[in-house]
Protein backbone atom coordinates (compact mmCIF):
# COMPACT_ATOMS: atom_id res chain seq x y z
CA MET A 1 -109.25 32.80 -109.89
CA SER A 2 -110.64 29.37 -110.67
CA ARG A 3 -109.05 27.29 -113.40
CA LYS A 4 -111.41 26.18 -116.13
CA ILE A 5 -111.23 22.46 -116.89
CA GLN A 6 -110.87 21.73 -120.57
CA LYS A 7 -113.36 19.16 -121.75
CA ILE A 8 -111.37 17.49 -124.47
CA LEU A 9 -112.61 13.94 -125.03
CA ILE A 10 -110.30 11.11 -126.02
CA ARG A 11 -111.35 7.67 -127.17
CA GLN A 12 -110.73 4.70 -124.92
CA LYS A 13 -108.48 3.14 -127.56
CA THR A 14 -106.34 6.31 -127.66
CA LEU A 15 -106.12 6.34 -123.86
CA MET A 16 -105.02 2.70 -123.82
CA GLU A 17 -102.28 3.58 -126.32
CA MET A 18 -101.22 6.61 -124.24
CA LEU A 19 -100.95 4.43 -121.12
CA ASP A 20 -99.33 1.61 -123.11
CA LEU A 21 -101.89 -0.90 -121.85
CA SER A 22 -103.52 -3.88 -123.51
CA SER A 23 -107.29 -4.22 -123.33
CA SER A 24 -107.06 -6.63 -120.40
CA GLY A 25 -104.53 -4.44 -118.61
CA PHE A 26 -106.75 -1.41 -119.07
CA TYR A 27 -109.85 -3.15 -117.72
CA GLU A 28 -107.85 -4.48 -114.76
CA LEU A 29 -106.64 -0.94 -113.97
CA ARG A 30 -110.22 0.37 -114.07
CA LYS A 31 -111.36 -2.48 -111.80
CA ARG A 32 -108.65 -2.12 -109.16
CA ASP A 33 -108.34 1.69 -109.03
CA PRO A 34 -111.59 3.37 -107.97
CA SER A 35 -110.00 6.81 -108.52
CA PHE A 36 -109.54 6.13 -112.25
CA PRO A 37 -111.71 8.51 -114.30
CA LYS A 38 -115.08 7.18 -115.39
CA PRO A 39 -115.87 6.88 -119.11
CA ILE A 40 -118.53 8.76 -120.99
CA LYS A 41 -120.46 6.32 -123.19
CA ASP A 42 -121.77 7.47 -126.56
CA GLY A 43 -124.98 5.46 -126.44
CA ASN A 44 -126.67 2.88 -124.26
CA SER A 45 -125.33 -0.32 -125.77
CA GLN A 46 -122.36 -2.15 -124.25
CA GLN A 47 -120.50 -1.69 -127.52
CA ALA A 48 -121.04 2.07 -127.69
CA PRO A 49 -117.75 4.01 -127.91
CA ALA A 50 -116.30 5.17 -124.60
CA PHE A 51 -114.60 8.51 -124.18
CA TYR A 52 -112.60 10.02 -121.33
CA VAL A 53 -112.17 13.66 -120.35
CA TYR A 54 -108.51 14.39 -121.03
CA GLU A 55 -108.12 16.74 -118.05
CA GLU A 56 -109.54 14.12 -115.63
CA VAL A 57 -107.02 11.56 -116.91
CA ARG A 58 -104.22 14.13 -116.66
CA CYS A 59 -105.16 14.95 -113.05
CA TRP A 60 -105.35 11.24 -112.20
CA LEU A 61 -101.84 10.72 -113.60
CA ILE A 62 -100.48 13.70 -111.64
CA GLU A 63 -102.02 12.31 -108.42
CA ARG A 64 -100.40 8.93 -109.10
CA MET A 65 -97.01 10.54 -109.75
CA ASN A 66 -97.30 12.65 -106.60
CA ALA A 67 -98.22 9.58 -104.53
CA ARG A 68 -95.22 7.76 -105.96
CA ALA A 69 -92.96 10.71 -105.12
CA VAL A 70 -94.27 10.80 -101.54
CA SER A 71 -93.78 7.04 -101.16
CA TYR A 72 -90.27 7.29 -102.59
CA THR A 73 -89.40 10.25 -100.32
CA HIS A 74 -90.75 8.36 -97.30
CA LEU A 75 -88.80 5.25 -98.28
CA ARG A 76 -85.58 7.25 -98.76
CA ALA A 77 -86.05 8.93 -95.36
CA HIS A 78 -86.65 5.52 -93.76
CA GLU A 79 -83.51 4.11 -95.39
CA THR A 80 -81.50 7.04 -94.08
CA VAL A 81 -82.75 6.38 -90.55
CA LEU A 82 -81.81 2.69 -90.88
CA ASP A 83 -78.36 3.64 -92.12
CA LEU A 84 -77.79 5.64 -88.93
CA VAL A 85 -78.67 2.71 -86.65
């Protein structure tokens, strides 16, 4: 059974608040992380509102948390090996 992705849109400003990022911090995150979800622009102008698909952001956060957990587990295993030496 495939899971249906909910297409709830959130404004960029709301996402920045959720991530507790300033405007510059948010734009830096988008620039340095190619896996960050892409915005949906409501119009062609540069100043048109940007929206994000909530489920894409949620999946991105889960991937980041899982990567952190793997790195932490690897680090802890490495520390245990060093303790034995």
